[in-house]
Amino acid sequence: MSPVAQPFDDDAMDELRAQPLEWRRRGLTPPTELEALITRRLSGVVRGVPADPTYADFFVAA
């Protein structure tokens, strides 16, 4: 019988969210920056960018 995956507890996820450099080190956008990006897009503050996200919003060139 295979083991059942346990969901992340809130404390572990909070710790991961608090380390934006670890997200960037893996080429990912930290959750707080992603939330800010989405908020700016939806509020209409950013002009001259596509309405839909692009790969450049989430990934940085290595």
C-alpha atoms as a PDB file:
ATOM      1  CA  MET A   1       0.000   0.000   0.000  1.00  0.00           C
ATOM      2  CA  SER A   2       1.403   3.419  -0.927  1.00  0.00           C
ATOM      3  CA  PRO A   3       1.685   6.121   1.717  1.00  0.00           C
ATOM      4  CA  VAL A   4      -0.939   8.840   1.748  1.00  0.00           C
ATOM      5  CA  ALA A   5       0.425  12.301   1.009  1.00  0.00           C
ATOM      6  CA  GLN A   6      -0.038  14.662   3.913  1.00  0.00           C
ATOM      7  CA  PRO A   7      -1.124  18.219   3.130  1.00  0.00           C
ATOM      8  CA  PHE A   8       1.268  21.015   4.058  1.00  0.00           C
ATOM      9  CA  ASP A   9       0.520  22.581   7.380  1.00  0.00           C
ATOM     10  CA  ASP A  10       0.003  26.329   7.532  1.00  0.00           C
ATOM     11  CA  ASP A  11       3.225  26.931   9.486  1.00  0.00           C
ATOM     12  CA  ALA A  12       5.346  25.205   6.844  1.00  0.00           C
ATOM     13  CA  MET A  13       3.684  27.149   4.040  1.00  0.00           C
ATOM     14  CA  ASP A  14       4.109  30.438   5.926  1.00  0.00           C
ATOM     15  CA  GLU A  15       7.806  29.676   6.332  1.00  0.00           C
ATOM     16  CA  LEU A  16       8.174  28.959   2.605  1.00  0.00           C
ATOM     17  CA  ARG A  17       6.290  32.132   1.670  1.00  0.00           C
ATOM     18  CA  ALA A  18       8.620  34.162   3.902  1.00  0.00           C
ATOM     19  CA  GLN A  19      11.701  33.194   1.862  1.00  0.00           C
ATOM     20  CA  PRO A  20      11.400  34.971  -1.507  1.00  0.00           C
ATOM     21  CA  LEU A  21      15.066  34.360  -2.348  1.00  0.00           C
ATOM     22  CA  GLU A  22      14.457  30.605  -2.332  1.00  0.00           C
ATOM     23  CA  TRP A  23      11.647  31.053  -4.862  1.00  0.00           C
ATOM     24  CA  ARG A  24      13.854  33.269  -7.052  1.00  0.00           C
ATOM     25  CA  ARG A  25      16.754  30.818  -6.750  1.00  0.00           C
ATOM     26  CA  ARG A  26      14.526  28.251  -8.443  1.00  0.00           C
ATOM     27  CA  GLY A  27      13.421  30.700 -11.131  1.00  0.00           C
ATOM     28  CA  LEU A  28       9.963  31.246  -9.657  1.00  0.00           C
ATOM     29  CA  THR A  29       8.058  34.327  -8.584  1.00  0.00           C
ATOM     30  CA  PRO A  30       7.471  34.509  -4.814  1.00  0.00           C
ATOM     31  CA  PRO A  31       3.773  34.413  -3.798  1.00  0.00           C
ATOM     32  CA  THR A  32       3.782  37.972  -2.421  1.00  0.00           C
ATOM     33  CA  GLU A  33       5.198  39.371  -5.673  1.00  0.00           C
ATOM     34  CA  LEU A  34       2.747  37.300  -7.687  1.00  0.00           C
ATOM     35  CA  GLU A  35      -0.157  38.639  -5.634  1.00  0.00           C
ATOM     36  CA  ALA A  36       1.068  42.219  -6.170  1.00  0.00           C
ATOM     37  CA  LEU A  37       1.400  41.615  -9.929  1.00  0.00           C
ATOM     38  CA  ILE A  38      -2.152  40.289 -10.143  1.00  0.00           C
ATOM     39  CA  THR A  39      -3.511  43.156  -8.049  1.00  0.00           C
ATOM     40  CA  ARG A  40      -1.826  45.747 -10.305  1.00  0.00           C
ATOM     41  CA  ARG A  41      -3.117  44.037 -13.450  1.00  0.00           C
ATOM     42  CA  LEU A  42      -6.676  43.802 -12.179  1.00  0.00           C
ATOM     43  CA  SER A  43      -6.764  47.367 -10.851  1.00  0.00           C
ATOM     44  CA  GLY A  44      -5.753  48.831 -14.205  1.00  0.00           C
ATOM     45  CA  VAL A  45      -2.712  50.628 -12.752  1.00  0.00           C
ATOM     46  CA  VAL A  46      -0.352  49.061 -15.288  1.00  0.00           C
ATOM     47  CA  ARG A  47      -0.858  50.302 -18.826  1.00  0.00           C
ATOM     48  CA  GLY A  48       0.675  49.116 -22.063  1.00  0.00           C
ATOM     49  CA  VAL A  49       0.973  45.467 -21.064  1.00  0.00           C
ATOM     50  CA  PRO A  50      -1.122  42.535 -22.243  1.00  0.00           C
ATOM     51  CA  ALA A  51      -4.186  41.814 -20.124  1.00  0.00           C
ATOM     52  CA  ASP A  52      -3.154  38.184 -19.835  1.00  0.00           C
ATOM     53  CA  PRO A  53       0.052  37.193 -18.062  1.00  0.00           C
ATOM     54  CA  THR A  54       3.096  36.222 -20.104  1.00  0.00           C
ATOM     55  CA  TYR A  55       5.998  33.914 -19.288  1.00  0.00           C
ATOM     56  CA  ALA A  56       8.096  37.000 -18.526  1.00  0.00           C
ATOM     57  CA  ASP A  57       5.779  37.765 -15.598  1.00  0.00           C
ATOM     58  CA  PHE A  58       6.788  34.548 -13.849  1.00  0.00           C
ATOM     59  CA  PHE A  59      10.229  33.464 -15.030  1.00  0.00           C
ATOM     60  CA  VAL A  60      13.564  35.236 -15.223  1.00  0.00           C
ATOM     61  CA  ALA A  61      16.246  34.424 -17.776  1.00  0.00           C
ATOM     62  CA  ALA A  62      19.037  32.313 -16.345  1.00  0.00           C
END
